[in-house]
Amino acid sequence: CGSRQLLEVAFLQRGLPFVSAVEAEGYELQFSL
């Protein structure tokens, strides 16, 4: 996913930790979580 990649790159460039709690397809599922 391009948007996820943008976010991960932003954390990497700033030297900050990135934690993914859940990977899920479908925005309604994501929004419910």
PDB file of all heavy atoms in Angstrom:
ATOM      1  N   CYS A   1       0.847  -1.185   0.000  1.00  0.00           N
ATOM      2  CA  CYS A   1       0.000   0.000   0.000  1.00  0.00           C
ATOM      3  C   CYS A   1       0.890   1.245   0.000  1.00  0.00           C
ATOM      4  O   CYS A   1       1.782   1.394   0.844  1.00  0.00           O
ATOM      5  CB  CYS A   1      -0.911  -0.008   1.223  1.00  0.00           C
ATOM      6  SG  CYS A   1      -1.788   1.535   1.506  1.00  0.00           S
ATOM      7  N   GLY A   2       0.637   2.175  -0.930  1.00  0.00           N
ATOM      8  CA  GLY A   2       1.457   3.374  -1.044  1.00  0.00           C
ATOM      9  C   GLY A   2       1.371   4.284   0.161  1.00  0.00           C
ATOM     10  O   GLY A   2       2.376   4.882   0.580  1.00  0.00           O
ATOM     11  N   SER A   3       0.171   4.422   0.761  1.00  0.00           N
ATOM     12  CA  SER A   3       0.027   5.302   1.919  1.00  0.00           C
ATOM     13  C   SER A   3       0.790   4.757   3.124  1.00  0.00           C
ATOM     14  O   SER A   3       1.417   5.520   3.876  1.00  0.00           O
ATOM     15  CB  SER A   3      -1.450   5.482   2.267  1.00  0.00           C
ATOM     16  OG  SER A   3      -2.072   4.241   2.548  1.00  0.00           O
ATOM     17  N   ARG A   4       0.763   3.449   3.300  1.00  0.00           N
ATOM     18  CA  ARG A   4       1.539   2.853   4.393  1.00  0.00           C
ATOM     19  C   ARG A   4       3.028   3.104   4.177  1.00  0.00           C
ATOM     20  O   ARG A   4       3.766   3.419   5.117  1.00  0.00           O
ATOM     21  CB  ARG A   4       1.273   1.351   4.462  1.00  0.00           C
ATOM     22  CG  ARG A   4       2.138   0.660   5.540  1.00  0.00           C
ATOM     23  CD  ARG A   4       2.154  -0.843   5.393  1.00  0.00           C
ATOM     24  NE  ARG A   4       3.104  -1.420   6.321  1.00  0.00           N
ATOM     25  CZ  ARG A   4       2.802  -2.333   7.237  1.00  0.00           C
ATOM     26  NH1 ARG A   4       1.569  -2.775   7.324  1.00  0.00           N
ATOM     27  NH2 ARG A   4       3.721  -2.808   8.040  1.00  0.00           N
ATOM     28  N   GLN A   5       3.473   2.965   2.923  1.00  0.00           N
ATOM     29  CA  GLN A   5       4.875   3.193   2.621  1.00  0.00           C
ATOM     30  C   GLN A   5       5.285   4.631   2.945  1.00  0.00           C
ATOM     31  O   GLN A   5       6.369   4.875   3.492  1.00  0.00           O
ATOM     32  CB  GLN A   5       5.146   2.888   1.149  1.00  0.00           C
ATOM     33  CG  GLN A   5       6.617   3.030   0.747  1.00  0.00           C
ATOM     34  CD  GLN A   5       6.853   2.705  -0.707  1.00  0.00           C
ATOM     35  OE1 GLN A   5       5.928   2.377  -1.446  1.00  0.00           O
ATOM     36  NE2 GLN A   5       8.090   2.795  -1.131  1.00  0.00           N
ATOM     37  N   LEU A   6       4.423   5.593   2.635  1.00  0.00           N
ATOM     38  CA  LEU A   6       4.709   6.986   2.964  1.00  0.00           C
ATOM     39  C   LEU A   6       4.919   7.162   4.462  1.00  0.00           C
ATOM     40  O   LEU A   6       5.832   7.867   4.897  1.00  0.00           O
ATOM     41  CB  LEU A   6       3.551   7.877   2.507  1.00  0.00           C
ATOM     42  CG  LEU A   6       3.534   8.348   1.056  1.00  0.00           C
ATOM     43  CD1 LEU A   6       2.240   9.082   0.779  1.00  0.00           C
ATOM     44  CD2 LEU A   6       4.726   9.251   0.780  1.00  0.00           C
ATOM     45  N   LEU A   7       4.077   6.531   5.251  1.00  0.00           N
ATOM     46  CA  LEU A   7       4.167   6.644   6.709  1.00  0.00           C
ATOM     47  C   LEU A   7       5.444   5.997   7.230  1.00  0.00           C
ATOM     48  O   LEU A   7       6.170   6.587   8.050  1.00  0.00           O
ATOM     49  CB  LEU A   7       2.944   5.986   7.347  1.00  0.00           C
ATOM     50  CG  LEU A   7       2.833   6.115   8.867  1.00  0.00           C
ATOM     51  CD1 LEU A   7       2.615   7.561   9.263  1.00  0.00           C
ATOM     52  CD2 LEU A   7       1.690   5.233   9.389  1.00  0.00           C
ATOM     53  N   GLU A   8       5.752   4.792   6.768  1.00  0.00           N
ATOM     54  CA  GLU A   8       6.946   4.099   7.221  1.00  0.00           C
ATOM     55  C   GLU A   8       8.219   4.870   6.866  1.00  0.00           C
ATOM     56  O   GLU A   8       9.145   4.960   7.678  1.00  0.00           O
ATOM     57  CB  GLU A   8       6.990   2.692   6.617  1.00  0.00           C
ATOM     58  CG  GLU A   8       5.973   1.746   7.213  1.00  0.00           C
ATOM     59  CD  GLU A   8       6.141   0.331   6.692  1.00  0.00           C
ATOM     60  OE1 GLU A   8       6.486   0.172   5.506  1.00  0.00           O
ATOM     61  OE2 GLU A   8       5.937  -0.612   7.474  1.00  0.00           O
ATOM     62  N   VAL A   9       8.250   5.430   5.664  1.00  0.00           N
ATOM     63  CA  VAL A   9       9.417   6.211   5.238  1.00  0.00           C
ATOM     64  C   VAL A   9       9.588   7.440   6.126  1.00  0.00           C
ATOM     65  O   VAL A   9      10.709   7.810   6.497  1.00  0.00           O
ATOM     66  CB  VAL A   9       9.292   6.611   3.749  1.00  0.00           C
ATOM     67  CG1 VAL A   9      10.333   7.658   3.379  1.00  0.00           C
ATOM     68  CG2 VAL A   9       9.442   5.387   2.861  1.00  0.00           C
ATOM     69  N   ALA A  10       8.470   8.080   6.490  1.00  0.00           N
ATOM     70  CA  ALA A  10       8.543   9.264   7.350  1.00  0.00           C
ATOM     71  C   ALA A  10       9.140   8.924   8.712  1.00  0.00           C
ATOM     72  O   ALA A  10       9.971   9.675   9.249  1.00  0.00           O
ATOM     73  CB  ALA A  10       7.154   9.871   7.518  1.00  0.00           C
ATOM     74  N   PHE A  11       8.752   7.789   9.285  1.00  0.00           N
ATOM     75  CA  PHE A  11       9.342   7.357  10.562  1.00  0.00           C
ATOM     76  C   PHE A  11      10.824   7.043  10.392  1.00  0.00           C
ATOM     77  O   PHE A  11      11.654   7.415  11.225  1.00  0.00           O
ATOM     78  CB  PHE A  11       8.597   6.131  11.102  1.00  0.00           C
ATOM     79  CG  PHE A  11       7.352   6.455  11.871  1.00  0.00           C
ATOM     80  CD1 PHE A  11       6.101   6.220  11.334  1.00  0.00           C
ATOM     81  CD2 PHE A  11       7.437   6.991  13.141  1.00  0.00           C
ATOM     82  CE1 PHE A  11       4.950   6.522  12.029  1.00  0.00           C
ATOM     83  CE2 PHE A  11       6.290   7.301  13.869  1.00  0.00           C
ATOM     84  CZ  PHE A  11       5.037   7.072  13.314  1.00  0.00           C
ATOM     85  N   LEU A  12      11.164   6.344   9.304  1.00  0.00           N
ATOM     86  CA  LEU A  12      12.546   5.955   9.063  1.00  0.00           C
ATOM     87  C   LEU A  12      13.440   7.179   8.890  1.00  0.00           C
ATOM     88  O   LEU A  12      14.542   7.243   9.453  1.00  0.00           O
ATOM     89  CB  LEU A  12      12.619   5.066   7.816  1.00  0.00           C
ATOM     90  CG  LEU A  12      14.002   4.549   7.407  1.00  0.00           C
ATOM     91  CD1 LEU A  12      14.568   3.639   8.501  1.00  0.00           C
ATOM     92  CD2 LEU A  12      13.931   3.794   6.088  1.00  0.00           C
ATOM     93  N   GLN A  13      12.987   8.162   8.116  1.00  0.00           N
ATOM     94  CA  GLN A  13      13.788   9.354   7.875  1.00  0.00           C
ATOM     95  C   GLN A  13      14.038  10.149   9.144  1.00  0.00           C
ATOM     96  O   GLN A  13      15.068  10.824   9.268  1.00  0.00           O
ATOM     97  CB  GLN A  13      13.095  10.236   6.826  1.00  0.00           C
ATOM     98  CG  GLN A  13      13.121   9.659   5.417  1.00  0.00           C
ATOM     99  CD  GLN A  13      12.339  10.501   4.429  1.00  0.00           C
ATOM    100  OE1 GLN A  13      11.459  11.291   4.810  1.00  0.00           O
ATOM    101  NE2 GLN A  13      12.647  10.355   3.145  1.00  0.00           N
ATOM    102  N   ARG A  14      13.133  10.072  10.097  1.00  0.00           N
ATOM    103  CA  ARG A  14      13.277  10.805  11.347  1.00  0.00           C
ATOM    104  C   ARG A  14      13.946   9.977  12.437  1.00  0.00           C
ATOM    105  O   ARG A  14      14.148  10.454  13.547  1.00  0.00           O
ATOM    106  CB  ARG A  14      11.905  11.295  11.830  1.00  0.00           C
ATOM    107  CG  ARG A  14      11.281  12.373  10.950  1.00  0.00           C
ATOM    108  CD  ARG A  14       9.810  12.550  11.301  1.00  0.00           C
ATOM    109  NE  ARG A  14       9.177  13.685  10.638  1.00  0.00           N
ATOM    110  CZ  ARG A  14       8.735  13.687   9.388  1.00  0.00           C
ATOM    111  NH1 ARG A  14       8.896  12.598   8.635  1.00  0.00           N
ATOM    112  NH2 ARG A  14       8.157  14.751   8.876  1.00  0.00           N
ATOM    113  N   GLY A  15      14.259   8.721  12.113  1.00  0.00           N
ATOM    114  CA  GLY A  15      14.903   7.855  13.099  1.00  0.00           C
ATOM    115  C   GLY A  15      13.993   7.493  14.255  1.00  0.00           C
ATOM    116  O   GLY A  15      14.467   7.286  15.384  1.00  0.00           O
ATOM    117  N   LEU A  16      12.681   7.392  13.978  1.00  0.00           N
ATOM    118  CA  LEU A  16      11.703   7.111  15.026  1.00  0.00           C
ATOM    119  C   LEU A  16      11.164   5.696  14.888  1.00  0.00           C
ATOM    120  O   LEU A  16      11.093   5.150  13.781  1.00  0.00           O
ATOM    121  CB  LEU A  16      10.537   8.105  14.945  1.00  0.00           C
ATOM    122  CG  LEU A  16      10.892   9.583  15.166  1.00  0.00           C
ATOM    123  CD1 LEU A  16       9.695  10.471  14.835  1.00  0.00           C
ATOM    124  CD2 LEU A  16      11.351   9.810  16.599  1.00  0.00           C
ATOM    125  N   PRO A  17      10.766   5.085  16.003  1.00  0.00           N
ATOM    126  CA  PRO A  17      10.223   3.723  15.934  1.00  0.00           C
ATOM    127  C   PRO A  17       8.833   3.710  15.312  1.00  0.00           C
ATOM    128  O   PRO A  17       8.058   4.657  15.459  1.00  0.00           O
ATOM    129  CB  PRO A  17      10.173   3.283  17.404  1.00  0.00           C
ATOM    130  CG  PRO A  17      10.052   4.566  18.175  1.00  0.00           C
ATOM    131  CD  PRO A  17      10.857   5.576  17.398  1.00  0.00           C
ATOM    132  N   PHE A  18       8.545   2.631  14.594  1.00  0.00           N
ATOM    133  CA  PHE A  18       7.238   2.440  13.967  1.00  0.00           C
ATOM    134  C   PHE A  18       6.696   1.086  14.412  1.00  0.00           C
ATOM    135  O   PHE A  18       7.365   0.066  14.267  1.00  0.00           O
ATOM    136  CB  PHE A  18       7.363   2.489  12.448  1.00  0.00           C
ATOM    137  CG  PHE A  18       6.123   2.055  11.712  1.00  0.00           C
ATOM    138  CD1 PHE A  18       5.047   2.918  11.589  1.00  0.00           C
ATOM    139  CD2 PHE A  18       6.021   0.782  11.168  1.00  0.00           C
ATOM    140  CE1 PHE A  18       3.898   2.519  10.920  1.00  0.00           C
ATOM    141  CE2 PHE A  18       4.885   0.380  10.498  1.00  0.00           C
ATOM    142  CZ  PHE A  18       3.821   1.255  10.376  1.00  0.00           C
ATOM    143  N   VAL A  19       5.482   1.095  14.965  1.00  0.00           N
ATOM    144  CA  VAL A  19       4.884  -0.141  15.484  1.00  0.00           C
ATOM    145  C   VAL A  19       3.562  -0.401  14.796  1.00  0.00           C
ATOM    146  O   VAL A  19       2.635   0.420  14.862  1.00  0.00           O
ATOM    147  CB  VAL A  19       4.655  -0.051  17.012  1.00  0.00           C
ATOM    148  CG1 VAL A  19       4.014  -1.345  17.517  1.00  0.00           C
ATOM    149  CG2 VAL A  19       5.955   0.220  17.739  1.00  0.00           C
ATOM    150  N   SER A  20       3.471  -1.525  14.103  1.00  0.00           N
ATOM    151  CA  SER A  20       2.230  -1.943  13.457  1.00  0.00           C
ATOM    152  C   SER A  20       1.501  -2.913  14.378  1.00  0.00           C
ATOM    153  O   SER A  20       2.003  -3.995  14.692  1.00  0.00           O
ATOM    154  CB  SER A  20       2.533  -2.617  12.113  1.00  0.00           C
ATOM    155  OG  SER A  20       1.356  -3.151  11.551  1.00  0.00           O
ATOM    156  N   ALA A  21       0.311  -2.520  14.837  1.00  0.00           N
ATOM    157  CA  ALA A  21      -0.468  -3.378  15.729  1.00  0.00           C
ATOM    158  C   ALA A  21      -1.228  -4.435  14.929  1.00  0.00           C
ATOM    159  O   ALA A  21      -1.242  -5.615  15.288  1.00  0.00           O
ATOM    160  CB  ALA A  21      -1.448  -2.540  16.550  1.00  0.00           C
ATOM    161  N   VAL A  22      -1.864  -4.005  13.833  1.00  0.00           N
ATOM    162  CA  VAL A  22      -2.668  -4.914  13.007  1.00  0.00           C
ATOM    163  C   VAL A  22      -2.511  -4.512  11.549  1.00  0.00           C
ATOM    164  O   VAL A  22      -2.565  -3.327  11.212  1.00  0.00           O
ATOM    165  CB  VAL A  22      -4.168  -4.863  13.390  1.00  0.00           C
ATOM    166  CG1 VAL A  22      -4.989  -5.769  12.468  1.00  0.00           C
ATOM    167  CG2 VAL A  22      -4.376  -5.250  14.841  1.00  0.00           C
ATOM    168  N   GLU A  23      -2.310  -5.502  10.690  1.00  0.00           N
ATOM    169  CA  GLU A  23      -2.377  -5.295   9.245  1.00  0.00           C
ATOM    170  C   GLU A  23      -3.669  -5.913   8.753  1.00  0.00           C
ATOM    171  O   GLU A  23      -3.922  -7.101   8.971  1.00  0.00           O
ATOM    172  CB  GLU A  23      -1.185  -5.950   8.548  1.00  0.00           C
ATOM    173  CG  GLU A  23       0.160  -5.322   8.887  1.00  0.00           C
ATOM    174  CD  GLU A  23       1.295  -5.958   8.098  1.00  0.00           C
ATOM    175  OE1 GLU A  23       1.005  -6.875   7.305  1.00  0.00           O
ATOM    176  OE2 GLU A  23       2.448  -5.550   8.280  1.00  0.00           O
ATOM    177  N   ALA A  24      -4.509  -5.101   8.100  1.00  0.00           N
ATOM    178  CA  ALA A  24      -5.815  -5.597   7.673  1.00  0.00           C
ATOM    179  C   ALA A  24      -6.241  -4.900   6.390  1.00  0.00           C
ATOM    180  O   ALA A  24      -6.024  -3.694   6.234  1.00  0.00           O
ATOM    181  CB  ALA A  24      -6.854  -5.362   8.761  1.00  0.00           C
ATOM    182  N   GLU A  25      -6.852  -5.644   5.475  1.00  0.00           N
ATOM    183  CA  GLU A  25      -7.386  -5.059   4.256  1.00  0.00           C
ATOM    184  C   GLU A  25      -8.834  -4.636   4.490  1.00  0.00           C
ATOM    185  O   GLU A  25      -9.602  -5.353   5.119  1.00  0.00           O
ATOM    186  CB  GLU A  25      -7.311  -6.059   3.100  1.00  0.00           C
ATOM    187  CG  GLU A  25      -5.900  -6.337   2.630  1.00  0.00           C
ATOM    188  CD  GLU A  25      -5.884  -7.099   1.308  1.00  0.00           C
ATOM    189  OE1 GLU A  25      -6.972  -7.429   0.810  1.00  0.00           O
ATOM    190  OE2 GLU A  25      -4.798  -7.357   0.785  1.00  0.00           O
ATOM    191  N   GLY A  26      -9.181  -3.472   3.985  1.00  0.00           N
ATOM    192  CA  GLY A  26     -10.552  -2.979   4.113  1.00  0.00           C
ATOM    193  C   GLY A  26     -10.640  -1.877   5.141  1.00  0.00           C
ATOM    194  O   GLY A  26     -10.339  -2.085   6.323  1.00  0.00           O
ATOM    195  N   TYR A  27     -11.056  -0.692   4.688  1.00  0.00           N
ATOM    196  CA  TYR A  27     -11.059   0.461   5.593  1.00  0.00           C
ATOM    197  C   TYR A  27     -12.104   0.347   6.692  1.00  0.00           C
ATOM    198  O   TYR A  27     -11.879   0.831   7.808  1.00  0.00           O
ATOM    199  CB  TYR A  27     -11.242   1.747   4.787  1.00  0.00           C
ATOM    200  CG  TYR A  27      -9.971   2.164   4.093  1.00  0.00           C
ATOM    201  CD1 TYR A  27      -9.805   1.968   2.727  1.00  0.00           C
ATOM    202  CD2 TYR A  27      -8.921   2.716   4.809  1.00  0.00           C
ATOM    203  CE1 TYR A  27      -8.626   2.322   2.092  1.00  0.00           C
ATOM    204  CE2 TYR A  27      -7.739   3.076   4.180  1.00  0.00           C
ATOM    205  CZ  TYR A  27      -7.595   2.874   2.819  1.00  0.00           C
ATOM    206  OH  TYR A  27      -6.415   3.212   2.203  1.00  0.00           O
ATOM    207  N   GLU A  28     -13.235  -0.270   6.430  1.00  0.00           N
ATOM    208  CA  GLU A  28     -14.235  -0.375   7.485  1.00  0.00           C
ATOM    209  C   GLU A  28     -13.739  -1.260   8.626  1.00  0.00           C
ATOM    210  O   GLU A  28     -13.974  -0.968   9.798  1.00  0.00           O
ATOM    211  CB  GLU A  28     -15.558  -0.906   6.919  1.00  0.00           C
ATOM    212  CG  GLU A  28     -16.237   0.051   5.952  1.00  0.00           C
ATOM    213  CD  GLU A  28     -16.335   1.479   6.491  1.00  0.00           C
ATOM    214  OE1 GLU A  28     -16.773   1.657   7.638  1.00  0.00           O
ATOM    215  OE2 GLU A  28     -15.954   2.412   5.761  1.00  0.00           O
ATOM    216  N   LEU A  29     -13.031  -2.333   8.283  1.00  0.00           N
ATOM    217  CA  LEU A  29     -12.434  -3.174   9.318  1.00  0.00           C
ATOM    218  C   LEU A  29     -11.386  -2.380  10.087  1.00  0.00           C
ATOM    219  O   LEU A  29     -11.341  -2.411  11.323  1.00  0.00           O
ATOM    220  CB  LEU A  29     -11.805  -4.420   8.689  1.00  0.00           C
ATOM    221  CG  LEU A  29     -10.984  -5.316   9.624  1.00  0.00           C
ATOM    222  CD1 LEU A  29     -11.824  -5.787  10.810  1.00  0.00           C
ATOM    223  CD2 LEU A  29     -10.386  -6.490   8.862  1.00  0.00           C
ATOM    224  N   GLN A  30     -10.530  -1.669   9.361  1.00  0.00           N
ATOM    225  CA  GLN A  30      -9.512  -0.857  10.031  1.00  0.00           C
ATOM    226  C   GLN A  30     -10.146   0.179  10.952  1.00  0.00           C
ATOM    227  O   GLN A  30      -9.729   0.350  12.098  1.00  0.00           O
ATOM    228  CB  GLN A  30      -8.640  -0.160   8.995  1.00  0.00           C
ATOM    229  CG  GLN A  30      -7.743  -1.086   8.190  1.00  0.00           C
ATOM    230  CD  GLN A  30      -6.981  -0.350   7.112  1.00  0.00           C
ATOM    231  OE1 GLN A  30      -6.722   0.840   7.218  1.00  0.00           O
ATOM    232  NE2 GLN A  30      -6.640  -1.046   6.042  1.00  0.00           N
ATOM    233  N   PHE A  31     -11.175   0.873  10.450  1.00  0.00           N
ATOM    234  CA  PHE A  31     -11.813   1.914  11.263  1.00  0.00           C
ATOM    235  C   PHE A  31     -12.459   1.323  12.516  1.00  0.00           C
ATOM    236  O   PHE A  31     -12.459   1.953  13.583  1.00  0.00           O
ATOM    237  CB  PHE A  31     -12.867   2.645  10.433  1.00  0.00           C
ATOM    238  CG  PHE A  31     -12.295   3.574   9.388  1.00  0.00           C
ATOM    239  CD1 PHE A  31     -13.086   4.035   8.342  1.00  0.00           C
ATOM    240  CD2 PHE A  31     -10.971   3.992   9.446  1.00  0.00           C
ATOM    241  CE1 PHE A  31     -12.572   4.891   7.382  1.00  0.00           C
ATOM    242  CE2 PHE A  31     -10.439   4.840   8.486  1.00  0.00           C
ATOM    243  CZ  PHE A  31     -11.245   5.299   7.453  1.00  0.00           C
ATOM    244  N   SER A  32     -13.022   0.115  12.400  1.00  0.00           N
ATOM    245  CA  SER A  32     -13.631  -0.508  13.580  1.00  0.00           C
ATOM    246  C   SER A  32     -12.575  -0.817  14.636  1.00  0.00           C
ATOM    247  O   SER A  32     -12.822  -0.646  15.843  1.00  0.00           O
ATOM    248  CB  SER A  32     -14.383  -1.780  13.185  1.00  0.00           C
ATOM    249  OG  SER A  32     -13.489  -2.808  12.766  1.00  0.00           O
ATOM    250  N   LEU A  33     -11.387  -1.239  14.203  1.00  0.00           N
ATOM    251  CA  LEU A  33     -10.299  -1.519  15.133  1.00  0.00           C
ATOM    252  C   LEU A  33      -9.740  -0.229  15.736  1.00  0.00           C
ATOM    253  O   LEU A  33      -9.411  -0.181  16.921  1.00  0.00           O
ATOM    254  CB  LEU A  33      -9.190  -2.301  14.429  1.00  0.00           C
ATOM    255  CG  LEU A  33      -9.590  -3.684  13.890  1.00  0.00           C
ATOM    256  CD1 LEU A  33      -8.454  -4.283  13.061  1.00  0.00           C
ATOM    257  CD2 LEU A  33      -9.961  -4.619  15.025  1.00  0.00           C
TER     258      LEU A  33
END
